[in-house]
Amino acid sequence: MDEKLIIKKFIIRKLYRKRMWLHKHTNINNLPKGLSNELRISKHTKKAVEELLKEHILLSKPTHYGLEVSLNPKKIKDIEELID
């Protein structure tokens, strides 16, 4: 399985479990926490997050202390397909 896909699934599952939808968000730096050291340091992690943002699966919220992200409730079917 592709590393980027593994990272995407991990991030989506993590946010889904913690119910991070729309107005409940977390810092973008917290997303790779929980991954193995190899995957966390990997260049694929940043690219996976950027792809999720481009696909509008993750919503971004810029703040004065950094970028915050949450799951997009309009993409619930896509999110559940990625998790399975």
PDB file of N, CA and C in Angstrom:
ATOM      1  N   MET A   1       0.844  -1.177   0.000  1.00  0.00           N
ATOM      2  CA  MET A   1       0.000   0.000   0.000  1.00  0.00           C
ATOM      3  C   MET A   1       0.891   1.243   0.000  1.00  0.00           C
ATOM      4  N   ASP A   2       0.452   2.270  -0.660  1.00  0.00           N
ATOM      5  CA  ASP A   2       1.197   3.516  -0.785  1.00  0.00           C
ATOM      6  C   ASP A   2       1.284   4.226   0.567  1.00  0.00           C
ATOM      7  N   GLU A   3       2.472   4.775   0.876  1.00  0.00           N
ATOM      8  CA  GLU A   3       2.665   5.483   2.149  1.00  0.00           C
ATOM      9  C   GLU A   3       1.703   6.655   2.299  1.00  0.00           C
ATOM     10  N   LYS A   4       1.510   7.392   1.220  1.00  0.00           N
ATOM     11  CA  LYS A   4       0.643   8.567   1.276  1.00  0.00           C
ATOM     12  C   LYS A   4      -0.795   8.174   1.619  1.00  0.00           C
ATOM     13  N   LEU A   5      -1.253   7.053   1.057  1.00  0.00           N
ATOM     14  CA  LEU A   5      -2.609   6.574   1.341  1.00  0.00           C
ATOM     15  C   LEU A   5      -2.736   6.135   2.804  1.00  0.00           C
ATOM     16  N   ILE A   6      -1.703   5.478   3.319  1.00  0.00           N
ATOM     17  CA  ILE A   6      -1.704   5.067   4.730  1.00  0.00           C
ATOM     18  C   ILE A   6      -1.805   6.293   5.633  1.00  0.00           C
ATOM     19  N   ILE A   7      -1.047   7.327   5.310  1.00  0.00           N
ATOM     20  CA  ILE A   7      -1.051   8.555   6.113  1.00  0.00           C
ATOM     21  C   ILE A   7      -2.408   9.246   6.031  1.00  0.00           C
ATOM     22  N   LYS A   8      -2.991   9.304   4.832  1.00  0.00           N
ATOM     23  CA  LYS A   8      -4.315   9.910   4.665  1.00  0.00           C
ATOM     24  C   LYS A   8      -5.352   9.192   5.519  1.00  0.00           C
ATOM     25  N   LYS A   9      -5.355   7.863   5.449  1.00  0.00           N
ATOM     26  CA  LYS A   9      -6.328   7.082   6.235  1.00  0.00           C
ATOM     27  C   LYS A   9      -6.138   7.323   7.724  1.00  0.00           C
ATOM     28  N   PHE A  10      -4.881   7.372   8.167  1.00  0.00           N
ATOM     29  CA  PHE A  10      -4.606   7.588   9.585  1.00  0.00           C
ATOM     30  C   PHE A  10      -5.168   8.936  10.046  1.00  0.00           C
ATOM     31  N   ILE A  11      -4.897   9.981   9.258  1.00  0.00           N
ATOM     32  CA  ILE A  11      -5.342  11.329   9.629  1.00  0.00           C
ATOM     33  C   ILE A  11      -6.865  11.408   9.647  1.00  0.00           C
ATOM     34  N   ILE A  12      -7.511  10.858   8.631  1.00  0.00           N
ATOM     35  CA  ILE A  12      -8.970  10.903   8.561  1.00  0.00           C
ATOM     36  C   ILE A  12      -9.587  10.118   9.722  1.00  0.00           C
ATOM     37  N   ARG A  13      -9.060   8.929  10.005  1.00  0.00           N
ATOM     38  CA  ARG A  13      -9.589   8.131  11.126  1.00  0.00           C
ATOM     39  C   ARG A  13      -9.434   8.875  12.445  1.00  0.00           C
ATOM     40  N   LYS A  14      -8.284   9.507  12.623  1.00  0.00           N
ATOM     41  CA  LYS A  14      -8.015  10.222  13.869  1.00  0.00           C
ATOM     42  C   LYS A  14      -9.021  11.352  14.073  1.00  0.00           C
ATOM     43  N   LEU A  15      -9.232  12.148  13.045  1.00  0.00           N
ATOM     44  CA  LEU A  15     -10.178  13.261  13.154  1.00  0.00           C
ATOM     45  C   LEU A  15     -11.617  12.765  13.262  1.00  0.00           C
ATOM     46  N   TYR A  16     -11.939  11.677  12.565  1.00  0.00           N
ATOM     47  CA  TYR A  16     -13.283  11.102  12.614  1.00  0.00           C
ATOM     48  C   TYR A  16     -13.596  10.591  14.022  1.00  0.00           C
ATOM     49  N   ARG A  17     -12.636   9.885  14.624  1.00  0.00           N
ATOM     50  CA  ARG A  17     -12.814   9.359  15.986  1.00  0.00           C
ATOM     51  C   ARG A  17     -13.018  10.479  17.000  1.00  0.00           C
ATOM     52  N   LYS A  18     -12.281  11.581  16.814  1.00  0.00           N
ATOM     53  CA  LYS A  18     -12.371  12.694  17.757  1.00  0.00           C
ATOM     54  C   LYS A  18     -13.486  13.678  17.406  1.00  0.00           C
ATOM     55  N   ARG A  19     -14.265  13.356  16.368  1.00  0.00           N
ATOM     56  CA  ARG A  19     -15.406  14.163  15.929  1.00  0.00           C
ATOM     57  C   ARG A  19     -15.012  15.613  15.630  1.00  0.00           C
ATOM     58  N   MET A  20     -13.982  15.768  14.845  1.00  0.00           N
ATOM     59  CA  MET A  20     -13.492  17.095  14.455  1.00  0.00           C
ATOM     60  C   MET A  20     -14.193  17.546  13.180  1.00  0.00           C
ATOM     61  N   TRP A  21     -15.433  17.959  13.300  1.00  0.00           N
ATOM     62  CA  TRP A  21     -16.233  18.407  12.160  1.00  0.00           C
ATOM     63  C   TRP A  21     -16.401  19.906  12.226  1.00  0.00           C
ATOM     64  N   LEU A  22     -16.248  20.582  11.105  1.00  0.00           N
ATOM     65  CA  LEU A  22     -16.535  21.992  10.867  1.00  0.00           C
ATOM     66  C   LEU A  22     -15.962  22.939  11.928  1.00  0.00           C
ATOM     67  N   HIS A  23     -16.689  23.258  12.986  1.00  0.00           N
ATOM     68  CA  HIS A  23     -16.253  24.283  13.934  1.00  0.00           C
ATOM     69  C   HIS A  23     -15.372  23.744  15.046  1.00  0.00           C
ATOM     70  N   LYS A  24     -15.224  22.446  15.126  1.00  0.00           N
ATOM     71  CA  LYS A  24     -14.295  21.856  16.084  1.00  0.00           C
ATOM     72  C   LYS A  24     -13.048  21.496  15.294  1.00  0.00           C
ATOM     73  N   HIS A  25     -11.918  22.100  15.606  1.00  0.00           N
ATOM     74  CA  HIS A  25     -10.732  21.923  14.790  1.00  0.00           C
ATOM     75  C   HIS A  25      -9.494  21.708  15.650  1.00  0.00           C
ATOM     76  N   THR A  26      -8.419  21.286  14.997  1.00  0.00           N
ATOM     77  CA  THR A  26      -7.157  21.038  15.675  1.00  0.00           C
ATOM     78  C   THR A  26      -6.020  21.622  14.847  1.00  0.00           C
ATOM     79  N   ASN A  27      -4.899  21.835  15.489  1.00  0.00           N
ATOM     80  CA  ASN A  27      -3.728  22.391  14.817  1.00  0.00           C
ATOM     81  C   ASN A  27      -3.185  21.398  13.801  1.00  0.00           C
ATOM     82  N   ILE A  28      -2.727  21.893  12.678  1.00  0.00           N
ATOM     83  CA  ILE A  28      -2.216  21.050  11.600  1.00  0.00           C
ATOM     84  C   ILE A  28      -0.972  20.271  12.045  1.00  0.00           C
ATOM     85  N   ASN A  29      -0.239  20.785  13.025  1.00  0.00           N
ATOM     86  CA  ASN A  29       0.958  20.100  13.533  1.00  0.00           C
ATOM     87  C   ASN A  29       0.613  18.879  14.376  1.00  0.00           C
ATOM     88  N   ASN A  30      -0.631  18.757  14.826  1.00  0.00           N
ATOM     89  CA  ASN A  30      -1.044  17.614  15.632  1.00  0.00           C
ATOM     90  C   ASN A  30      -1.426  16.405  14.784  1.00  0.00           C
ATOM     91  N   LEU A  31      -1.617  16.578  13.479  1.00  0.00           N
ATOM     92  CA  LEU A  31      -2.092  15.496  12.629  1.00  0.00           C
ATOM     93  C   LEU A  31      -1.147  14.297  12.579  1.00  0.00           C
ATOM     94  N   PRO A  32       0.167  14.480  12.408  1.00  0.00           N
ATOM     95  CA  PRO A  32       1.029  13.290  12.310  1.00  0.00           C
ATOM     96  C   PRO A  32       1.340  12.619  13.647  1.00  0.00           C
ATOM     97  N   LYS A  33       0.909  13.203  14.753  1.00  0.00           N
ATOM     98  CA  LYS A  33       1.170  12.577  16.049  1.00  0.00           C
ATOM     99  C   LYS A  33       0.444  11.243  16.116  1.00  0.00           C
ATOM    100  N   GLY A  34       1.170  10.222  16.507  1.00  0.00           N
ATOM    101  CA  GLY A  34       0.597   8.883  16.575  1.00  0.00           C
ATOM    102  C   GLY A  34       1.103   7.988  15.457  1.00  0.00           C
ATOM    103  N   LEU A  35       1.681   8.577  14.419  1.00  0.00           N
ATOM    104  CA  LEU A  35       2.293   7.800  13.336  1.00  0.00           C
ATOM    105  C   LEU A  35       3.650   7.286  13.795  1.00  0.00           C
ATOM    106  N   SER A  36       4.150   6.254  13.142  1.00  0.00           N
ATOM    107  CA  SER A  36       5.493   5.781  13.455  1.00  0.00           C
ATOM    108  C   SER A  36       6.498   6.862  13.065  1.00  0.00           C
ATOM    109  N   ASN A  37       7.682   6.823  13.654  1.00  0.00           N
ATOM    110  CA  ASN A  37       8.693   7.842  13.382  1.00  0.00           C
ATOM    111  C   ASN A  37       9.059   7.899  11.909  1.00  0.00           C
ATOM    112  N   GLU A  38       9.111   6.760  11.247  1.00  0.00           N
ATOM    113  CA  GLU A  38       9.452   6.731   9.824  1.00  0.00           C
ATOM    114  C   GLU A  38       8.436   7.518   9.005  1.00  0.00           C
ATOM    115  N   LEU A  39       7.155   7.294   9.265  1.00  0.00           N
ATOM    116  CA  LEU A  39       6.108   7.981   8.506  1.00  0.00           C
ATOM    117  C   LEU A  39       5.973   9.445   8.912  1.00  0.00           C
ATOM    118  N   ARG A  40       6.197   9.730  10.186  1.00  0.00           N
ATOM    119  CA  ARG A  40       6.055  11.107  10.665  1.00  0.00           C
ATOM    120  C   ARG A  40       7.093  12.027  10.025  1.00  0.00           C
ATOM    121  N   ILE A  41       8.306  11.534   9.863  1.00  0.00           N
ATOM    122  CA  ILE A  41       9.395  12.320   9.292  1.00  0.00           C
ATOM    123  C   ILE A  41       9.313  12.350   7.770  1.00  0.00           C
ATOM    124  N   SER A  42       8.619  11.402   7.196  1.00  0.00           N
ATOM    125  CA  SER A  42       8.544  11.243   5.752  1.00  0.00           C
ATOM    126  C   SER A  42       8.009  12.498   5.059  1.00  0.00           C
ATOM    127  N   LYS A  43       8.497  12.746   3.838  1.00  0.00           N
ATOM    128  CA  LYS A  43       8.025  13.880   3.046  1.00  0.00           C
ATOM    129  C   LYS A  43       6.587  13.672   2.582  1.00  0.00           C
ATOM    130  N   HIS A  44       6.119  12.422   2.623  1.00  0.00           N
ATOM    131  CA  HIS A  44       4.762  12.106   2.184  1.00  0.00           C
ATOM    132  C   HIS A  44       3.700  12.650   3.139  1.00  0.00           C
ATOM    133  N   THR A  45       4.065  12.867   4.394  1.00  0.00           N
ATOM    134  CA  THR A  45       3.099  13.356   5.382  1.00  0.00           C
ATOM    135  C   THR A  45       2.570  14.734   4.993  1.00  0.00           C
ATOM    136  N   LYS A  46       3.471  15.644   4.687  1.00  0.00           N
ATOM    137  CA  LYS A  46       3.064  16.997   4.312  1.00  0.00           C
ATOM    138  C   LYS A  46       2.260  16.978   3.017  1.00  0.00           C
ATOM    139  N   LYS A  47       2.675  16.163   2.058  1.00  0.00           N
ATOM    140  CA  LYS A  47       1.974  16.071   0.783  1.00  0.00           C
ATOM    141  C   LYS A  47       0.578  15.487   0.965  1.00  0.00           C
ATOM    142  N   ALA A  48       0.433  14.505   1.861  1.00  0.00           N
ATOM    143  CA  ALA A  48      -0.871  13.895   2.118  1.00  0.00           C
ATOM    144  C   ALA A  48      -1.843  14.919   2.696  1.00  0.00           C
ATOM    145  N   VAL A  49      -1.378  15.731   3.623  1.00  0.00           N
ATOM    146  CA  VAL A  49      -2.225  16.761   4.223  1.00  0.00           C
ATOM    147  C   VAL A  49      -2.618  17.799   3.168  1.00  0.00           C
ATOM    148  N   GLU A  50      -1.662  18.192   2.338  1.00  0.00           N
ATOM    149  CA  GLU A  50      -1.964  19.157   1.272  1.00  0.00           C
ATOM    150  C   GLU A  50      -2.995  18.604   0.295  1.00  0.00           C
ATOM    151  N   GLU A  51      -2.889  17.315  -0.042  1.00  0.00           N
ATOM    152  CA  GLU A  51      -3.864  16.700  -0.949  1.00  0.00           C
ATOM    153  C   GLU A  51      -5.251  16.653  -0.326  1.00  0.00           C
ATOM    154  N   LEU A  52      -5.329  16.342   0.961  1.00  0.00           N
ATOM    155  CA  LEU A  52      -6.626  16.314   1.644  1.00  0.00           C
ATOM    156  C   LEU A  52      -7.260  17.708   1.664  1.00  0.00           C
ATOM    157  N   LEU A  53      -6.434  18.728   1.801  1.00  0.00           N
ATOM    158  CA  LEU A  53      -6.947  20.102   1.760  1.00  0.00           C
ATOM    159  C   LEU A  53      -7.428  20.458   0.353  1.00  0.00           C
ATOM    160  N   LYS A  54      -6.684  20.051  -0.682  1.00  0.00           N
ATOM    161  CA  LYS A  54      -7.074  20.336  -2.063  1.00  0.00           C
ATOM    162  C   LYS A  54      -8.356  19.605  -2.451  1.00  0.00           C
ATOM    163  N   GLU A  55      -8.537  18.392  -1.923  1.00  0.00           N
ATOM    164  CA  GLU A  55      -9.736  17.600  -2.212  1.00  0.00           C
ATOM    165  C   GLU A  55     -10.925  18.079  -1.386  1.00  0.00           C
ATOM    166  N   HIS A  56     -10.713  19.051  -0.512  1.00  0.00           N
ATOM    167  CA  HIS A  56     -11.742  19.625   0.370  1.00  0.00           C
ATOM    168  C   HIS A  56     -12.296  18.589   1.349  1.00  0.00           C
ATOM    169  N   ILE A  57     -11.523  17.578   1.658  1.00  0.00           N
ATOM    170  CA  ILE A  57     -11.901  16.644   2.714  1.00  0.00           C
ATOM    171  C   ILE A  57     -11.592  17.284   4.059  1.00  0.00           C
ATOM    172  N   LEU A  58     -10.482  18.018   4.114  1.00  0.00           N
ATOM    173  CA  LEU A  58     -10.149  18.807   5.291  1.00  0.00           C
ATOM    174  C   LEU A  58     -10.445  20.274   5.004  1.00  0.00           C
ATOM    175  N   LEU A  59     -10.996  20.936   5.983  1.00  0.00           N
ATOM    176  CA  LEU A  59     -11.227  22.376   5.888  1.00  0.00           C
ATOM    177  C   LEU A  59     -10.154  23.086   6.710  1.00  0.00           C
ATOM    178  N   SER A  60      -9.656  24.193   6.210  1.00  0.00           N
ATOM    179  CA  SER A  60      -8.618  24.928   6.937  1.00  0.00           C
ATOM    180  C   SER A  60      -9.207  26.194   7.551  1.00  0.00           C
ATOM    181  N   LYS A  61      -8.639  26.566   8.680  1.00  0.00           N
ATOM    182  CA  LYS A  61      -9.043  27.793   9.364  1.00  0.00           C
ATOM    183  C   LYS A  61      -7.770  28.490   9.835  1.00  0.00           C
ATOM    184  N   PRO A  62      -7.369  29.548   9.134  1.00  0.00           N
ATOM    185  CA  PRO A  62      -6.162  30.263   9.568  1.00  0.00           C
ATOM    186  C   PRO A  62      -6.425  31.037  10.856  1.00  0.00           C
ATOM    187  N   THR A  63      -5.486  30.953  11.778  1.00  0.00           N
ATOM    188  CA  THR A  63      -5.573  31.695  13.029  1.00  0.00           C
ATOM    189  C   THR A  63      -4.257  32.441  13.238  1.00  0.00           C
ATOM    190  N   HIS A  64      -4.213  33.286  14.222  1.00  0.00           N
ATOM    191  CA  HIS A  64      -2.980  34.036  14.472  1.00  0.00           C
ATOM    192  C   HIS A  64      -1.883  33.135  15.041  1.00  0.00           C
ATOM    193  N   TYR A  65      -2.225  31.962  15.552  1.00  0.00           N
ATOM    194  CA  TYR A  65      -1.239  31.055  16.126  1.00  0.00           C
ATOM    195  C   TYR A  65      -0.960  29.843  15.244  1.00  0.00           C
ATOM    196  N   GLY A  66      -1.503  29.793  14.030  1.00  0.00           N
ATOM    197  CA  GLY A  66      -1.220  28.692  13.106  1.00  0.00           C
ATOM    198  C   GLY A  66      -2.460  28.238  12.367  1.00  0.00           C
ATOM    199  N   LEU A  67      -2.277  27.267  11.510  1.00  0.00           N
ATOM    200  CA  LEU A  67      -3.374  26.752  10.698  1.00  0.00           C
ATOM    201  C   LEU A  67      -4.102  25.642  11.449  1.00  0.00           C
ATOM    202  N   GLU A  68      -5.413  25.722  11.490  1.00  0.00           N
ATOM    203  CA  GLU A  68      -6.254  24.718  12.123  1.00  0.00           C
ATOM    204  C   GLU A  68      -7.028  23.977  11.038  1.00  0.00           C
ATOM    205  N   VAL A  69      -7.312  22.691  11.253  1.00  0.00           N
ATOM    206  CA  VAL A  69      -8.051  21.898  10.267  1.00  0.00           C
ATOM    207  C   VAL A  69      -9.174  21.116  10.938  1.00  0.00           C
ATOM    208  N   SER A  70     -10.190  20.800  10.129  1.00  0.00           N
ATOM    209  CA  SER A  70     -11.308  19.973  10.576  1.00  0.00           C
ATOM    210  C   SER A  70     -11.843  19.211   9.372  1.00  0.00           C
ATOM    211  N   LEU A  71     -12.706  18.238   9.615  1.00  0.00           N
ATOM    212  CA  LEU A  71     -13.306  17.462   8.536  1.00  0.00           C
ATOM    213  C   LEU A  71     -14.459  18.238   7.912  1.00  0.00           C
ATOM    214  N   ASN A  72     -14.649  18.040   6.617  1.00  0.00           N
ATOM    215  CA  ASN A  72     -15.707  18.709   5.878  1.00  0.00           C
ATOM    216  C   ASN A  72     -16.978  17.850   5.938  1.00  0.00           C
ATOM    217  N   PRO A  73     -18.060  18.337   6.572  1.00  0.00           N
ATOM    218  CA  PRO A  73     -19.286  17.544   6.672  1.00  0.00           C
ATOM    219  C   PRO A  73     -19.958  17.299   5.327  1.00  0.00           C
ATOM    220  N   LYS A  74     -19.653  18.089   4.313  1.00  0.00           N
ATOM    221  CA  LYS A  74     -20.237  17.887   2.986  1.00  0.00           C
ATOM    222  C   LYS A  74     -19.608  16.696   2.262  1.00  0.00           C
ATOM    223  N   LYS A  75     -18.462  16.233   2.740  1.00  0.00           N
ATOM    224  CA  LYS A  75     -17.746  15.117   2.115  1.00  0.00           C
ATOM    225  C   LYS A  75     -17.825  13.850   2.969  1.00  0.00           C
ATOM    226  N   ILE A  76     -18.914  13.684   3.688  1.00  0.00           N
ATOM    227  CA  ILE A  76     -19.041  12.561   4.618  1.00  0.00           C
ATOM    228  C   ILE A  76     -18.929  11.206   3.921  1.00  0.00           C
ATOM    229  N   LYS A  77     -19.472  11.071   2.721  1.00  0.00           N
ATOM    230  CA  LYS A  77     -19.412   9.798   1.996  1.00  0.00           C
ATOM    231  C   LYS A  77     -17.975   9.481   1.597  1.00  0.00           C
ATOM    232  N   ASP A  78     -17.252  10.469   1.111  1.00  0.00           N
ATOM    233  CA  ASP A  78     -15.853  10.268   0.730  1.00  0.00           C
ATOM    234  C   ASP A  78     -15.010   9.895   1.939  1.00  0.00           C
ATOM    235  N   ILE A  79     -15.279  10.533   3.065  1.00  0.00           N
ATOM    236  CA  ILE A  79     -14.531  10.264   4.291  1.00  0.00           C
ATOM    237  C   ILE A  79     -14.777   8.837   4.769  1.00  0.00           C
ATOM    238  N   GLU A  80     -16.020   8.407   4.759  1.00  0.00           N
ATOM    239  CA  GLU A  80     -16.338   7.050   5.196  1.00  0.00           C
ATOM    240  C   GLU A  80     -15.767   6.004   4.236  1.00  0.00           C
ATOM    241  N   GLU A  81     -15.667   6.322   2.944  1.00  0.00           N
ATOM    242  CA  GLU A  81     -15.039   5.403   1.994  1.00  0.00           C
ATOM    243  C   GLU A  81     -13.551   5.270   2.277  1.00  0.00           C
ATOM    244  N   LEU A  82     -12.886   6.374   2.613  1.00  0.00           N
ATOM    245  CA  LEU A  82     -11.463   6.325   2.936  1.00  0.00           C
ATOM    246  C   LEU A  82     -11.199   5.523   4.195  1.00  0.00           C
ATOM    247  N   ILE A  83     -12.068   5.630   5.166  1.00  0.00           N
ATOM    248  CA  ILE A  83     -11.886   4.926   6.431  1.00  0.00           C
ATOM    249  C   ILE A  83     -12.018   3.424   6.262  1.00  0.00           C
ATOM    250  N   ASP A  84     -12.961   2.990   5.435  1.00  0.00           N
ATOM    251  CA  ASP A  84     -13.192   1.553   5.247  1.00  0.00           C
ATOM    252  C   ASP A  84     -12.133   0.911   4.456  1.00  0.00           C
TER     253      ASP A  84
END
